Amino acid sequence: MNIGIEGMAVWGQDLLIPRRTIRVVGTGATTLSCVRAMVVDAVQSGFNVLVSADCCAGRAQAPQDANLYNTQQKYAYVGDADEILV
């Protein structure tokens, strides 16, 4: 089952924990804010997080690359969709 989660701290846990979800894949249009917030919330809730870099976007490439690098260093595995959705 695929479920979109934004603001996981608010309602994502109630939706995912009863389904025994262990892994969350992050995607989105604004990596700096929405995707990063979801990733941090998911990690703090105990989920294993993967971010699909080719399914995320930012306003400019340099900040986008920096945010994906920071996300991988601190919180989640970052890869392309064909790599992580096997």
PDB file of N, CA and C in Angstrom:
ATOM      1  N   MET A   1       0.846  -1.173   0.000  1.00  0.00           N
ATOM      2  CA  MET A   1       0.000   0.000   0.000  1.00  0.00           C
ATOM      3  C   MET A   1       0.890   1.234   0.000  1.00  0.00           C
ATOM      4  N   ASN A   2       0.586   2.176  -0.847  1.00  0.00           N
ATOM      5  CA  ASN A   2       1.312   3.443  -0.896  1.00  0.00           C
ATOM      6  C   ASN A   2       0.463   4.517  -0.236  1.00  0.00           C
ATOM      7  N   ILE A   3       1.091   5.237   0.713  1.00  0.00           N
ATOM      8  CA  ILE A   3       0.385   6.295   1.423  1.00  0.00           C
ATOM      9  C   ILE A   3       1.250   7.539   1.411  1.00  0.00           C
ATOM     10  N   GLY A   4       0.696   8.657   0.994  1.00  0.00           N
ATOM     11  CA  GLY A   4       1.429   9.917   1.050  1.00  0.00           C
ATOM     12  C   GLY A   4       1.366  10.496   2.453  1.00  0.00           C
ATOM     13  N   ILE A   5       2.503  10.903   2.968  1.00  0.00           N
ATOM     14  CA  ILE A   5       2.563  11.435   4.328  1.00  0.00           C
ATOM     15  C   ILE A   5       3.200  12.807   4.285  1.00  0.00           C
ATOM     16  N   GLU A   6       2.508  13.790   4.776  1.00  0.00           N
ATOM     17  CA  GLU A   6       3.114  15.100   5.007  1.00  0.00           C
ATOM     18  C   GLU A   6       2.733  15.501   6.417  1.00  0.00           C
ATOM     19  N   GLY A   7       3.699  15.939   7.179  1.00  0.00           N
ATOM     20  CA  GLY A   7       3.440  16.251   8.573  1.00  0.00           C
ATOM     21  C   GLY A   7       3.274  14.986   9.387  1.00  0.00           C
ATOM     22  N   MET A   8       4.230  14.076   9.255  1.00  0.00           N
ATOM     23  CA  MET A   8       4.135  12.786   9.931  1.00  0.00           C
ATOM     24  C   MET A   8       3.940  12.905  11.428  1.00  0.00           C
ATOM     25  N   ALA A   9       4.526  13.926  12.030  1.00  0.00           N
ATOM     26  CA  ALA A   9       4.404  14.072  13.482  1.00  0.00           C
ATOM     27  C   ALA A   9       2.944  14.269  13.880  1.00  0.00           C
ATOM     28  N   VAL A  10       2.157  14.822  12.981  1.00  0.00           N
ATOM     29  CA  VAL A  10       0.763  15.105  13.289  1.00  0.00           C
ATOM     30  C   VAL A  10      -0.109  13.855  13.154  1.00  0.00           C
ATOM     31  N   TRP A  11      -0.016  13.142  12.008  1.00  0.00           N
ATOM     32  CA  TRP A  11      -0.931  12.016  11.819  1.00  0.00           C
ATOM     33  C   TRP A  11      -0.308  10.804  11.161  1.00  0.00           C
ATOM     34  N   GLY A  12       0.898  10.857  10.714  1.00  0.00           N
ATOM     35  CA  GLY A  12       1.514   9.734  10.007  1.00  0.00           C
ATOM     36  C   GLY A  12       1.683   8.488  10.847  1.00  0.00           C
ATOM     37  N   GLN A  13       2.070   8.661  12.101  1.00  0.00           N
ATOM     38  CA  GLN A  13       2.271   7.489  12.953  1.00  0.00           C
ATOM     39  C   GLN A  13       0.975   6.704  13.113  1.00  0.00           C
ATOM     40  N   ASP A  14      -0.124   7.399  13.311  1.00  0.00           N
ATOM     41  CA  ASP A  14      -1.410   6.724  13.490  1.00  0.00           C
ATOM     42  C   ASP A  14      -1.798   5.921  12.253  1.00  0.00           C
ATOM     43  N   LEU A  15      -1.347   6.365  11.097  1.00  0.00           N
ATOM     44  CA  LEU A  15      -1.678   5.699   9.848  1.00  0.00           C
ATOM     45  C   LEU A  15      -0.740   4.530   9.569  1.00  0.00           C
ATOM     46  N   LEU A  16       0.538   4.678   9.898  1.00  0.00           N
ATOM     47  CA  LEU A  16       1.538   3.693   9.498  1.00  0.00           C
ATOM     48  C   LEU A  16       1.817   2.607  10.521  1.00  0.00           C
ATOM     49  N   ILE A  17       1.851   2.930  11.781  1.00  0.00           N
ATOM     50  CA  ILE A  17       2.215   1.945  12.799  1.00  0.00           C
ATOM     51  C   ILE A  17       1.220   0.778  12.845  1.00  0.00           C
ATOM     52  N   PRO A  18      -0.086   1.021  12.784  1.00  0.00           N
ATOM     53  CA  PRO A  18      -1.001  -0.128  12.796  1.00  0.00           C
ATOM     54  C   PRO A  18      -0.819  -1.063  11.600  1.00  0.00           C
ATOM     55  N   ARG A  19      -0.243  -0.581  10.525  1.00  0.00           N
ATOM     56  CA  ARG A  19      -0.031  -1.401   9.330  1.00  0.00           C
ATOM     57  C   ARG A  19       1.345  -2.076   9.358  1.00  0.00           C
ATOM     58  N   ARG A  20       2.053  -1.938  10.471  1.00  0.00           N
ATOM     59  CA  ARG A  20       3.382  -2.519  10.658  1.00  0.00           C
ATOM     60  C   ARG A  20       4.371  -2.044   9.613  1.00  0.00           C
ATOM     61  N   THR A  21       4.256  -0.803   9.222  1.00  0.00           N
ATOM     62  CA  THR A  21       5.176  -0.197   8.267  1.00  0.00           C
ATOM     63  C   THR A  21       6.538  -0.045   8.922  1.00  0.00           C
ATOM     64  N   ILE A  22       7.586  -0.427   8.212  1.00  0.00           N
ATOM     65  CA  ILE A  22       8.936  -0.256   8.743  1.00  0.00           C
ATOM     66  C   ILE A  22       9.773   0.681   7.890  1.00  0.00           C
ATOM     67  N   ARG A  23       9.350   0.904   6.655  1.00  0.00           N
ATOM     68  CA  ARG A  23      10.138   1.706   5.728  1.00  0.00           C
ATOM     69  C   ARG A  23       9.257   2.753   5.074  1.00  0.00           C
ATOM     70  N   VAL A  24       9.774   3.969   4.979  1.00  0.00           N
ATOM     71  CA  VAL A  24       9.064   5.077   4.349  1.00  0.00           C
ATOM     72  C   VAL A  24       9.950   5.619   3.228  1.00  0.00           C
ATOM     73  N   VAL A  25       9.370   5.861   2.059  1.00  0.00           N
ATOM     74  CA  VAL A  25      10.098   6.451   0.936  1.00  0.00           C
ATOM     75  C   VAL A  25       9.666   7.900   0.806  1.00  0.00           C
ATOM     76  N   GLY A  26      10.645   8.805   0.856  1.00  0.00           N
ATOM     77  CA  GLY A  26      10.360  10.228   0.768  1.00  0.00           C
ATOM     78  C   GLY A  26      10.523  10.761  -0.643  1.00  0.00           C
ATOM     79  N   THR A  27       9.535  11.518  -1.089  1.00  0.00           N
ATOM     80  CA  THR A  27       9.578  12.215  -2.372  1.00  0.00           C
ATOM     81  C   THR A  27       8.866  13.549  -2.185  1.00  0.00           C
ATOM     82  N   GLY A  28       9.046  14.466  -3.110  1.00  0.00           N
ATOM     83  CA  GLY A  28       8.304  15.708  -3.016  1.00  0.00           C
ATOM     84  C   GLY A  28       8.860  16.821  -3.860  1.00  0.00           C
ATOM     85  N   ALA A  29       8.115  17.917  -3.878  1.00  0.00           N
ATOM     86  CA  ALA A  29       8.466  19.047  -4.724  1.00  0.00           C
ATOM     87  C   ALA A  29       9.394  20.041  -4.045  1.00  0.00           C
ATOM     88  N   THR A  30       9.496  20.000  -2.747  1.00  0.00           N
ATOM     89  CA  THR A  30      10.366  20.955  -2.057  1.00  0.00           C
ATOM     90  C   THR A  30      11.218  20.202  -1.045  1.00  0.00           C
ATOM     91  N   THR A  31      12.393  19.763  -1.487  1.00  0.00           N
ATOM     92  CA  THR A  31      13.269  18.953  -0.640  1.00  0.00           C
ATOM     93  C   THR A  31      13.673  19.701   0.621  1.00  0.00           C
ATOM     94  N   LEU A  32      13.955  20.991   0.504  1.00  0.00           N
ATOM     95  CA  LEU A  32      14.431  21.774   1.643  1.00  0.00           C
ATOM     96  C   LEU A  32      13.443  21.789   2.799  1.00  0.00           C
ATOM     97  N   SER A  33      12.163  21.805   2.518  1.00  0.00           N
ATOM     98  CA  SER A  33      11.193  21.914   3.614  1.00  0.00           C
ATOM     99  C   SER A  33      10.344  20.662   3.772  1.00  0.00           C
ATOM    100  N   CYS A  34       9.449  20.401   2.862  1.00  0.00           N
ATOM    101  CA  CYS A  34       8.482  19.309   3.033  1.00  0.00           C
ATOM    102  C   CYS A  34       9.138  17.943   3.123  1.00  0.00           C
ATOM    103  N   VAL A  35      10.022  17.636   2.197  1.00  0.00           N
ATOM    104  CA  VAL A  35      10.658  16.317   2.199  1.00  0.00           C
ATOM    105  C   VAL A  35      11.526  16.155   3.436  1.00  0.00           C
ATOM    106  N   ARG A  36      12.311  17.166   3.735  1.00  0.00           N
ATOM    107  CA  ARG A  36      13.182  17.081   4.915  1.00  0.00           C
ATOM    108  C   ARG A  36      12.365  16.925   6.202  1.00  0.00           C
ATOM    109  N   ALA A  37      11.281  17.666   6.330  1.00  0.00           N
ATOM    110  CA  ALA A  37      10.433  17.555   7.521  1.00  0.00           C
ATOM    111  C   ALA A  37       9.858  16.157   7.652  1.00  0.00           C
ATOM    112  N   MET A  38       9.401  15.579   6.541  1.00  0.00           N
ATOM    113  CA  MET A  38       8.867  14.221   6.564  1.00  0.00           C
ATOM    114  C   MET A  38       9.946  13.229   6.967  1.00  0.00           C
ATOM    115  N   VAL A  39      11.146  13.399   6.412  1.00  0.00           N
ATOM    116  CA  VAL A  39      12.249  12.488   6.724  1.00  0.00           C
ATOM    117  C   VAL A  39      12.594  12.551   8.211  1.00  0.00           C
ATOM    118  N   VAL A  40      12.744  13.750   8.744  1.00  0.00           N
ATOM    119  CA  VAL A  40      13.086  13.907  10.162  1.00  0.00           C
ATOM    120  C   VAL A  40      11.979  13.319  11.043  1.00  0.00           C
ATOM    121  N   ASP A  41      10.720  13.616  10.730  1.00  0.00           N
ATOM    122  CA  ASP A  41       9.602  13.073  11.504  1.00  0.00           C
ATOM    123  C   ASP A  41       9.593  11.544  11.456  1.00  0.00           C
ATOM    124  N   ALA A  42       9.819  10.979  10.273  1.00  0.00           N
ATOM    125  CA  ALA A  42       9.791   9.527  10.122  1.00  0.00           C
ATOM    126  C   ALA A  42      10.927   8.864  10.898  1.00  0.00           C
ATOM    127  N   VAL A  43      12.129   9.430  10.819  1.00  0.00           N
ATOM    128  CA  VAL A  43      13.272   8.883  11.552  1.00  0.00           C
ATOM    129  C   VAL A  43      13.014   8.958  13.054  1.00  0.00           C
ATOM    130  N   GLN A  44      12.507  10.091  13.510  1.00  0.00           N
ATOM    131  CA  GLN A  44      12.226  10.241  14.941  1.00  0.00           C
ATOM    132  C   GLN A  44      11.104   9.316  15.408  1.00  0.00           C
ATOM    133  N   SER A  45      10.281   8.864  14.483  1.00  0.00           N
ATOM    134  CA  SER A  45       9.214   7.932  14.819  1.00  0.00           C
ATOM    135  C   SER A  45       9.665   6.478  14.709  1.00  0.00           C
ATOM    136  N   GLY A  46      10.927   6.273  14.338  1.00  0.00           N
ATOM    137  CA  GLY A  46      11.483   4.930  14.301  1.00  0.00           C
ATOM    138  C   GLY A  46      11.416   4.212  12.971  1.00  0.00           C
ATOM    139  N   PHE A  47      11.049   4.911  11.902  1.00  0.00           N
ATOM    140  CA  PHE A  47      10.971   4.281  10.594  1.00  0.00           C
ATOM    141  C   PHE A  47      12.322   4.317   9.886  1.00  0.00           C
ATOM    142  N   ASN A  48      12.561   3.330   9.040  1.00  0.00           N
ATOM    143  CA  ASN A  48      13.704   3.309   8.145  1.00  0.00           C
ATOM    144  C   ASN A  48      13.295   4.155   6.934  1.00  0.00           C
ATOM    145  N   VAL A  49      14.100   5.156   6.575  1.00  0.00           N
ATOM    146  CA  VAL A  49      13.696   6.113   5.541  1.00  0.00           C
ATOM    147  C   VAL A  49      14.618   6.042   4.334  1.00  0.00           C
ATOM    148  N   LEU A  50      14.004   6.013   3.169  1.00  0.00           N
ATOM    149  CA  LEU A  50      14.694   6.085   1.893  1.00  0.00           C
ATOM    150  C   LEU A  50      14.168   7.323   1.176  1.00  0.00           C
ATOM    151  N   VAL A  51      15.052   8.054   0.498  1.00  0.00           N
ATOM    152  CA  VAL A  51      14.626   9.224  -0.271  1.00  0.00           C
ATOM    153  C   VAL A  51      14.977   8.985  -1.727  1.00  0.00           C
ATOM    154  N   SER A  52      13.991   9.125  -2.583  1.00  0.00           N
ATOM    155  CA  SER A  52      14.189   8.961  -4.010  1.00  0.00           C
ATOM    156  C   SER A  52      14.605  10.311  -4.595  1.00  0.00           C
ATOM    157  N   ALA A  53      15.899  10.475  -4.846  1.00  0.00           N
ATOM    158  CA  ALA A  53      16.445  11.761  -5.289  1.00  0.00           C
ATOM    159  C   ALA A  53      15.847  12.225  -6.611  1.00  0.00           C
ATOM    160  N   ASP A  54      15.578  11.290  -7.504  1.00  0.00           N
ATOM    161  CA  ASP A  54      15.028  11.675  -8.801  1.00  0.00           C
ATOM    162  C   ASP A  54      13.523  11.941  -8.746  1.00  0.00           C
ATOM    163  N   CYS A  55      12.941  11.806  -7.570  1.00  0.00           N
ATOM    164  CA  CYS A  55      11.524  12.132  -7.370  1.00  0.00           C
ATOM    165  C   CYS A  55      11.363  13.304  -6.413  1.00  0.00           C
ATOM    166  N   CYS A  56      12.431  14.083  -6.238  1.00  0.00           N
ATOM    167  CA  CYS A  56      12.421  15.277  -5.398  1.00  0.00           C
ATOM    168  C   CYS A  56      12.851  16.468  -6.242  1.00  0.00           C
ATOM    169  N   ALA A  57      12.479  17.644  -5.809  1.00  0.00           N
ATOM    170  CA  ALA A  57      12.846  18.842  -6.560  1.00  0.00           C
ATOM    171  C   ALA A  57      13.151  19.980  -5.607  1.00  0.00           C
ATOM    172  N   GLY A  58      13.837  20.971  -6.140  1.00  0.00           N
ATOM    173  CA  GLY A  58      14.145  22.176  -5.393  1.00  0.00           C
ATOM    174  C   GLY A  58      14.128  23.366  -6.329  1.00  0.00           C
ATOM    175  N   ARG A  59      14.320  24.540  -5.775  1.00  0.00           N
ATOM    176  CA  ARG A  59      14.264  25.753  -6.603  1.00  0.00           C
ATOM    177  C   ARG A  59      15.510  25.940  -7.450  1.00  0.00           C
ATOM    178  N   ALA A  60      16.632  25.416  -6.973  1.00  0.00           N
ATOM    179  CA  ALA A  60      17.896  25.503  -7.726  1.00  0.00           C
ATOM    180  C   ALA A  60      18.686  24.236  -7.454  1.00  0.00           C
ATOM    181  N   GLN A  61      19.530  23.837  -8.387  1.00  0.00           N
ATOM    182  CA  GLN A  61      20.215  22.559  -8.277  1.00  0.00           C
ATOM    183  C   GLN A  61      21.228  22.498  -7.129  1.00  0.00           C
ATOM    184  N   ALA A  62      21.989  23.559  -6.907  1.00  0.00           N
ATOM    185  CA  ALA A  62      23.015  23.524  -5.851  1.00  0.00           C
ATOM    186  C   ALA A  62      22.409  23.317  -4.458  1.00  0.00           C
ATOM    187  N   PRO A  63      21.386  24.076  -4.057  1.00  0.00           N
ATOM    188  CA  PRO A  63      20.762  23.804  -2.758  1.00  0.00           C
ATOM    189  C   PRO A  63      20.092  22.429  -2.700  1.00  0.00           C
ATOM    190  N   GLN A  64      19.523  21.991  -3.822  1.00  0.00           N
ATOM    191  CA  GLN A  64      18.907  20.663  -3.889  1.00  0.00           C
ATOM    192  C   GLN A  64      19.949  19.587  -3.599  1.00  0.00           C
ATOM    193  N   ASP A  65      21.092  19.678  -4.263  1.00  0.00           N
ATOM    194  CA  ASP A  65      22.157  18.704  -4.043  1.00  0.00           C
ATOM    195  C   ASP A  65      22.654  18.738  -2.601  1.00  0.00           C
ATOM    196  N   ALA A  66      22.789  19.933  -2.040  1.00  0.00           N
ATOM    197  CA  ALA A  66      23.242  20.080  -0.654  1.00  0.00           C
ATOM    198  C   ALA A  66      22.238  19.466   0.319  1.00  0.00           C
ATOM    199  N   ASN A  67      20.961  19.665   0.079  1.00  0.00           N
ATOM    200  CA  ASN A  67      19.934  19.094   0.957  1.00  0.00           C
ATOM    201  C   ASN A  67      19.893  17.577   0.877  1.00  0.00           C
ATOM    202  N   LEU A  68      20.034  17.032  -0.315  1.00  0.00           N
ATOM    203  CA  LEU A  68      20.060  15.578  -0.443  1.00  0.00           C
ATOM    204  C   LEU A  68      21.306  15.001   0.227  1.00  0.00           C
ATOM    205  N   TYR A  69      22.436  15.668   0.078  1.00  0.00           N
ATOM    206  CA  TYR A  69      23.667  15.221   0.736  1.00  0.00           C
ATOM    207  C   TYR A  69      23.489  15.240   2.256  1.00  0.00           C
ATOM    208  N   ASN A  70      22.962  16.334   2.783  1.00  0.00           N
ATOM    209  CA  ASN A  70      22.746  16.464   4.221  1.00  0.00           C
ATOM    210  C   ASN A  70      21.765  15.403   4.729  1.00  0.00           C
ATOM    211  N   THR A  71      20.717  15.153   3.975  1.00  0.00           N
ATOM    212  CA  THR A  71      19.735  14.138   4.347  1.00  0.00           C
ATOM    213  C   THR A  71      20.392  12.767   4.429  1.00  0.00           C
ATOM    214  N   GLN A  72      21.241  12.458   3.453  1.00  0.00           N
ATOM    215  CA  GLN A  72      21.900  11.152   3.460  1.00  0.00           C
ATOM    216  C   GLN A  72      22.904  11.039   4.605  1.00  0.00           C
ATOM    217  N   GLN A  73      23.596  12.117   4.910  1.00  0.00           N
ATOM    218  CA  GLN A  73      24.583  12.070   5.981  1.00  0.00           C
ATOM    219  C   GLN A  73      23.957  11.916   7.357  1.00  0.00           C
ATOM    220  N   LYS A  74      22.752  12.444   7.540  1.00  0.00           N
ATOM    221  CA  LYS A  74      22.153  12.472   8.874  1.00  0.00           C
ATOM    222  C   LYS A  74      20.985  11.518   9.087  1.00  0.00           C
ATOM    223  N   TYR A  75      20.173  11.280   8.059  1.00  0.00           N
ATOM    224  CA  TYR A  75      18.887  10.646   8.311  1.00  0.00           C
ATOM    225  C   TYR A  75      18.532   9.429   7.467  1.00  0.00           C
ATOM    226  N   ALA A  76      18.784   9.464   6.188  1.00  0.00           N
ATOM    227  CA  ALA A  76      18.163   8.480   5.301  1.00  0.00           C
ATOM    228  C   ALA A  76      19.108   8.034   4.205  1.00  0.00           C
ATOM    229  N   TYR A  77      18.767   6.921   3.602  1.00  0.00           N
ATOM    230  CA  TYR A  77      19.470   6.497   2.397  1.00  0.00           C
ATOM    231  C   TYR A  77      18.881   7.290   1.234  1.00  0.00           C
ATOM    232  N   VAL A  78      19.734   7.848   0.388  1.00  0.00           N
ATOM    233  CA  VAL A  78      19.290   8.605  -0.779  1.00  0.00           C
ATOM    234  C   VAL A  78      19.751   7.882  -2.039  1.00  0.00           C
ATOM    235  N   GLY A  79      18.832   7.594  -2.929  1.00  0.00           N
ATOM    236  CA  GLY A  79      19.146   6.944  -4.199  1.00  0.00           C
ATOM    237  C   GLY A  79      18.070   7.270  -5.212  1.00  0.00           C
ATOM    238  N   ASP A  80      18.182   6.720  -6.399  1.00  0.00           N
ATOM    239  CA  ASP A  80      17.167   6.932  -7.423  1.00  0.00           C
ATOM    240  C   ASP A  80      16.043   5.899  -7.262  1.00  0.00           C
ATOM    241  N   ALA A  81      14.884   6.218  -7.794  1.00  0.00           N
ATOM    242  CA  ALA A  81      13.707   5.360  -7.631  1.00  0.00           C
ATOM    243  C   ALA A  81      13.959   3.943  -8.108  1.00  0.00           C
ATOM    244  N   ASP A  82      14.610   3.784  -9.260  1.00  0.00           N
ATOM    245  CA  ASP A  82      14.829   2.428  -9.759  1.00  0.00           C
ATOM    246  C   ASP A  82      15.763   1.615  -8.879  1.00  0.00           C
ATOM    247  N   GLU A  83      16.527   2.286  -8.056  1.00  0.00           N
ATOM    248  CA  GLU A  83      17.443   1.605  -7.141  1.00  0.00           C
ATOM    249  C   GLU A  83      16.763   1.214  -5.818  1.00  0.00           C
ATOM    250  N   ILE A  84      15.926   2.087  -5.299  1.00  0.00           N
ATOM    251  CA  ILE A  84      15.368   1.827  -3.967  1.00  0.00           C
ATOM    252  C   ILE A  84      14.010   1.135  -4.004  1.00  0.00           C
ATOM    253  N   LEU A  85      13.346   1.141  -5.143  1.00  0.00           N
ATOM    254  CA  LEU A  85      12.019   0.518  -5.236  1.00  0.00           C
ATOM    255  C   LEU A  85      12.092  -0.822  -5.944  1.00  0.00           C
ATOM    256  N   VAL A  86      13.085  -1.603  -5.589  1.00  0.00           N
ATOM    257  CA  VAL A  86      13.267  -2.921  -6.224  1.00  0.00           C
ATOM    258  C   VAL A  86      12.448  -3.958  -5.510  1.00  0.00           C
TER     259      VAL A  86
END
